[in-house]
Amino acid sequence: MKKYYVVATKWSEGHEAQIKYVAGEFPEYVLAAIFKDAYNEHYHANAEIVDEFFLLNR
């Protein structure tokens, strides 16, 4: 089964740089899309949806 991840960017004090992190993991694209839209609206962010193949091969 394919998994979808919502990846967002945040500031890391420890790294003193912006880092990408997985904000959510979902078994279906539609669930990831709903979460991504809510996340972007709440945090005024620009999160993206990636599948597990893309995430593992970055």
N, C-alpha and C. Protein backbone atom coordinates (compact mmCIF):
# COMPACT_ATOMS: atom_id res chain seq x y z
N MET A 1 0.84 -1.19 0.00
CA MET A 1 0.00 0.00 0.00
C MET A 1 0.89 1.25 0.00
N LYS A 2 0.57 2.16 -0.84
CA LYS A 2 1.33 3.40 -0.95
C LYS A 2 0.95 4.35 0.18
N LYS A 3 1.95 5.06 0.70
CA LYS A 3 1.71 6.05 1.75
C LYS A 3 2.02 7.44 1.20
N TYR A 4 1.34 8.41 1.75
CA TYR A 4 1.54 9.80 1.36
C TYR A 4 1.93 10.59 2.60
N TYR A 5 2.86 11.50 2.41
CA TYR A 5 3.38 12.31 3.51
C TYR A 5 3.18 13.79 3.21
N VAL A 6 2.80 14.54 4.23
CA VAL A 6 2.74 15.99 4.11
C VAL A 6 4.05 16.51 4.70
N VAL A 7 4.83 17.17 3.86
CA VAL A 7 6.14 17.67 4.26
C VAL A 7 6.06 19.19 4.36
N ALA A 8 6.54 19.72 5.48
CA ALA A 8 6.50 21.16 5.73
C ALA A 8 7.90 21.64 6.08
N THR A 9 8.07 22.94 6.12
CA THR A 9 9.34 23.56 6.47
C THR A 9 9.17 24.37 7.73
N LYS A 10 10.16 24.28 8.63
CA LYS A 10 10.13 25.08 9.85
C LYS A 10 11.55 25.53 10.19
N TRP A 11 11.65 26.52 11.05
CA TRP A 11 12.94 27.02 11.50
C TRP A 11 13.44 26.15 12.64
N SER A 12 14.68 25.74 12.57
CA SER A 12 15.31 24.95 13.62
C SER A 12 16.37 25.79 14.32
N GLU A 13 16.16 26.04 15.61
CA GLU A 13 17.15 26.80 16.38
C GLU A 13 18.47 26.02 16.45
N GLY A 14 18.38 24.72 16.60
CA GLY A 14 19.59 23.90 16.72
C GLY A 14 20.46 23.93 15.48
N HIS A 15 19.81 23.96 14.31
CA HIS A 15 20.55 24.00 13.05
C HIS A 15 20.75 25.43 12.54
N GLU A 16 20.03 26.35 13.13
CA GLU A 16 20.00 27.75 12.68
C GLU A 16 19.73 27.83 11.19
N ALA A 17 18.73 27.06 10.77
CA ALA A 17 18.33 27.02 9.36
C ALA A 17 16.92 26.45 9.26
N GLN A 18 16.33 26.59 8.08
CA GLN A 18 15.04 25.97 7.84
C GLN A 18 15.26 24.50 7.53
N ILE A 19 14.40 23.64 8.09
CA ILE A 19 14.47 22.21 7.83
C ILE A 19 13.11 21.72 7.36
N LYS A 20 13.12 20.67 6.57
CA LYS A 20 11.88 20.02 6.14
C LYS A 20 11.61 18.87 7.09
N TYR A 21 10.33 18.68 7.42
CA TYR A 21 9.95 17.58 8.30
C TYR A 21 8.60 17.03 7.89
N VAL A 22 8.33 15.81 8.28
CA VAL A 22 7.05 15.17 7.97
C VAL A 22 6.02 15.63 9.00
N ALA A 23 5.01 16.34 8.53
CA ALA A 23 3.96 16.84 9.41
C ALA A 23 2.83 15.83 9.56
N GLY A 24 2.71 14.90 8.61
CA GLY A 24 1.66 13.89 8.68
C GLY A 24 1.90 12.77 7.69
N GLU A 25 1.37 11.58 8.01
CA GLU A 25 1.50 10.38 7.17
C GLU A 25 0.11 9.80 6.96
N PHE A 26 -0.23 9.47 5.70
CA PHE A 26 -1.60 9.05 5.39
C PHE A 26 -1.61 7.90 4.39
N PRO A 27 -2.59 7.00 4.50
CA PRO A 27 -2.68 5.86 3.58
C PRO A 27 -3.34 6.23 2.24
N GLU A 28 -4.03 7.37 2.19
CA GLU A 28 -4.72 7.78 0.97
C GLU A 28 -4.39 9.24 0.64
N TYR A 29 -4.28 9.52 -0.66
CA TYR A 29 -3.94 10.87 -1.10
C TYR A 29 -4.97 11.90 -0.64
N VAL A 30 -6.24 11.54 -0.71
CA VAL A 30 -7.29 12.50 -0.35
C VAL A 30 -7.18 12.93 1.11
N LEU A 31 -6.80 12.03 2.00
CA LEU A 31 -6.62 12.38 3.40
C LEU A 31 -5.42 13.31 3.58
N ALA A 32 -4.36 13.03 2.84
CA ALA A 32 -3.18 13.91 2.88
C ALA A 32 -3.53 15.30 2.36
N ALA A 33 -4.35 15.37 1.32
CA ALA A 33 -4.73 16.66 0.74
C ALA A 33 -5.57 17.48 1.73
N ILE A 34 -6.48 16.82 2.44
CA ILE A 34 -7.30 17.52 3.43
C ILE A 34 -6.42 18.06 4.55
N PHE A 35 -5.50 17.23 5.03
CA PHE A 35 -4.59 17.66 6.09
C PHE A 35 -3.70 18.80 5.62
N LYS A 36 -3.15 18.68 4.41
CA LYS A 36 -2.26 19.71 3.87
C LYS A 36 -2.97 21.05 3.78
N ASP A 37 -4.20 21.05 3.28
CA ASP A 37 -4.96 22.30 3.17
C ASP A 37 -5.21 22.93 4.54
N ALA A 38 -5.59 22.10 5.51
CA ALA A 38 -5.83 22.60 6.87
C ALA A 38 -4.53 23.10 7.50
N TYR A 39 -3.45 22.36 7.30
CA TYR A 39 -2.14 22.75 7.84
C TYR A 39 -1.70 24.09 7.25
N ASN A 40 -1.79 24.22 5.95
CA ASN A 40 -1.39 25.47 5.29
C ASN A 40 -2.22 26.65 5.75
N GLU A 41 -3.51 26.43 5.93
CA GLU A 41 -4.38 27.52 6.36
C GLU A 41 -4.08 27.92 7.81
N HIS A 42 -3.87 26.93 8.66
CA HIS A 42 -3.64 27.22 10.08
C HIS A 42 -2.27 27.87 10.32
N TYR A 43 -1.24 27.35 9.67
CA TYR A 43 0.12 27.83 9.91
C TYR A 43 0.61 28.83 8.86
N HIS A 44 -0.23 29.16 7.89
CA HIS A 44 0.16 30.04 6.79
C HIS A 44 1.45 29.53 6.16
N ALA A 45 1.44 28.23 5.87
CA ALA A 45 2.62 27.53 5.35
C ALA A 45 2.41 27.13 3.90
N ASN A 46 3.41 26.45 3.37
CA ASN A 46 3.35 25.94 2.01
C ASN A 46 3.80 24.47 2.00
N ALA A 47 3.07 23.64 2.75
CA ALA A 47 3.39 22.22 2.83
C ALA A 47 3.09 21.55 1.49
N GLU A 48 3.72 20.41 1.28
CA GLU A 48 3.51 19.67 0.04
C GLU A 48 3.26 18.20 0.35
N ILE A 49 2.63 17.51 -0.60
CA ILE A 49 2.36 16.08 -0.46
C ILE A 49 3.38 15.33 -1.31
N VAL A 50 4.02 14.34 -0.70
CA VAL A 50 4.95 13.48 -1.43
C VAL A 50 4.60 12.03 -1.12
N ASP A 51 4.90 11.15 -2.07
CA ASP A 51 4.67 9.73 -1.79
C ASP A 51 5.95 9.13 -1.20
N GLU A 52 5.84 7.90 -0.71
CA GLU A 52 6.97 7.30 -0.02
C GLU A 52 8.17 7.09 -0.93
N PHE A 53 7.94 6.82 -2.21
CA PHE A 53 9.06 6.65 -3.15
C PHE A 53 9.87 7.93 -3.27
N PHE A 54 9.17 9.07 -3.41
CA PHE A 54 9.85 10.35 -3.51
C PHE A 54 10.59 10.68 -2.22
N LEU A 55 9.95 10.41 -1.09
CA LEU A 55 10.56 10.71 0.20
C LEU A 55 11.83 9.89 0.43
N LEU A 56 11.81 8.63 0.05
CA LEU A 56 12.97 7.77 0.26
C LEU A 56 14.10 8.05 -0.72
N ASN A 57 13.78 8.63 -1.86
CA ASN A 57 14.80 8.87 -2.90
C ASN A 57 15.19 10.33 -3.02
N ARG A 58 14.98 11.13 -2.02
CA ARG A 58 15.37 12.55 -2.05
C ARG A 58 16.84 12.68 -1.99
